[in-house]
Amino acid sequence: MVPCNYYYYYYYYYYYIDYVIKVVESHGSDCYAHHACTNIILYADDILQLLSPSVVGLQQLLNVCEIAINSLGLNLNYRKSVCMRV
C-alpha cells in the first residue's frame, strides 16, 4: 500500500485557488468593503459567493471565473450553483 501524501493536494489546491482569486480580483469589478475586494468569498474548498453590484457584472465575474478554472483543467459544477439577486 502506498502512503497518501496530502501535502501535494493542499499545495495544488492553494495554487489553483490563489490563481482564481487573483484573476477575479484583477477583473476590476467595483465591489469593495473597507478597501478590500469582496468580489469572491471562499470557505474551505468552495467558492461561496461571487458578488457584483449588477447582474451584468455578476455574469462577467462568472465568465472570468469559468475561464480561469477551465485554464487550470478544472470544471465548474453547475448542478451545485445558484444565482440570487438581493
Protein backbone atom coordinates (compact mmCIF):
# COMPACT_ATOMS: atom_id res chain seq x y z
CA MET A 1 0.00 0.00 0.00
CA VAL A 2 1.36 3.43 -0.99
CA PRO A 3 1.03 6.11 1.70
CA CYS A 4 -1.03 9.09 0.63
CA ASN A 5 0.84 12.39 0.70
CA TYR A 6 -1.68 15.18 1.30
CA TYR A 7 1.00 17.85 1.02
CA TYR A 8 0.68 17.82 -2.78
CA TYR A 9 -3.09 18.04 -2.63
CA TYR A 10 -3.00 21.16 -0.43
CA TYR A 11 -0.19 22.73 -2.44
CA TYR A 12 -2.03 22.36 -5.73
CA TYR A 13 -5.38 23.37 -4.23
CA TYR A 14 -3.95 26.62 -2.81
CA TYR A 15 -2.04 27.29 -6.01
CA TYR A 16 -5.22 26.87 -8.07
CA ILE A 17 -7.49 28.85 -5.76
CA ASP A 18 -4.93 31.65 -5.43
CA TYR A 19 -4.78 31.88 -9.21
CA VAL A 20 -8.59 32.10 -9.49
CA ILE A 21 -8.73 34.77 -6.75
CA LYS A 22 -6.09 36.90 -8.47
CA VAL A 23 -7.85 36.65 -11.83
CA VAL A 24 -11.24 37.60 -10.34
CA GLU A 25 -9.76 40.48 -8.31
CA SER A 26 -7.90 41.84 -11.35
CA HIS A 27 -11.15 41.87 -13.33
CA GLY A 28 -11.88 45.27 -11.81
CA SER A 29 -15.46 44.97 -10.59
CA ASP A 30 -16.43 47.65 -8.09
CA CYS A 31 -17.37 45.58 -5.07
CA TYR A 32 -15.27 46.70 -2.10
CA ALA A 33 -15.80 46.77 1.66
CA HIS A 34 -13.29 48.70 3.81
CA HIS A 35 -10.83 48.90 0.89
CA ALA A 36 -10.86 45.11 0.42
CA CYS A 37 -12.06 43.38 -2.72
CA THR A 38 -15.19 41.35 -1.96
CA ASN A 39 -15.92 40.00 -5.44
CA ILE A 40 -15.20 36.45 -4.37
CA ILE A 41 -15.83 34.82 -0.99
CA LEU A 42 -14.38 31.39 -0.23
CA TYR A 43 -14.85 28.84 2.52
CA ALA A 44 -12.91 25.58 2.78
CA ASP A 45 -12.81 24.17 -0.75
CA ASP A 46 -15.83 26.04 -2.15
CA ILE A 47 -16.38 29.36 -3.84
CA LEU A 48 -19.36 30.57 -1.84
CA GLN A 49 -20.14 33.86 -3.47
CA LEU A 50 -19.33 35.97 -6.45
CA LEU A 51 -20.51 39.49 -5.64
CA SER A 52 -21.24 42.31 -8.05
CA PRO A 53 -23.34 45.47 -7.94
CA SER A 54 -25.17 44.50 -11.16
CA VAL A 55 -26.46 41.41 -12.94
CA VAL A 56 -24.24 42.15 -15.95
CA GLY A 57 -21.21 42.46 -13.66
CA LEU A 58 -22.10 39.17 -12.00
CA GLN A 59 -22.26 37.42 -15.37
CA GLN A 60 -18.88 38.91 -16.29
CA LEU A 61 -17.39 37.67 -12.99
CA LEU A 62 -18.82 34.21 -13.62
CA ASN A 63 -17.34 34.19 -17.13
CA VAL A 64 -13.93 35.31 -15.81
CA CYS A 65 -14.05 32.70 -13.05
CA GLU A 66 -15.03 29.97 -15.52
CA ILE A 67 -12.20 30.87 -17.90
CA ALA A 68 -9.69 30.86 -15.03
CA ILE A 69 -10.92 27.50 -13.74
CA ASN A 70 -11.00 25.94 -17.21
CA SER A 71 -7.46 27.18 -17.92
CA LEU A 72 -6.34 25.05 -14.94
CA GLY A 73 -8.01 21.97 -16.44
CA LEU A 74 -10.90 22.04 -13.95
CA ASN A 75 -14.65 22.46 -14.43
CA LEU A 76 -17.42 24.26 -12.57
CA ASN A 77 -20.18 22.11 -11.13
CA TYR A 78 -23.29 23.91 -12.32
CA ARG A 79 -25.61 21.47 -10.55
CA LYS A 80 -24.38 22.89 -7.23
CA SER A 81 -24.56 26.52 -8.39
CA VAL A 82 -27.30 29.03 -7.63
CA CYS A 83 -27.74 32.67 -8.58
CA MET A 84 -29.54 35.06 -6.23
CA ARG A 85 -30.28 38.73 -6.69
CA VAL A 86 -30.64 40.62 -3.42
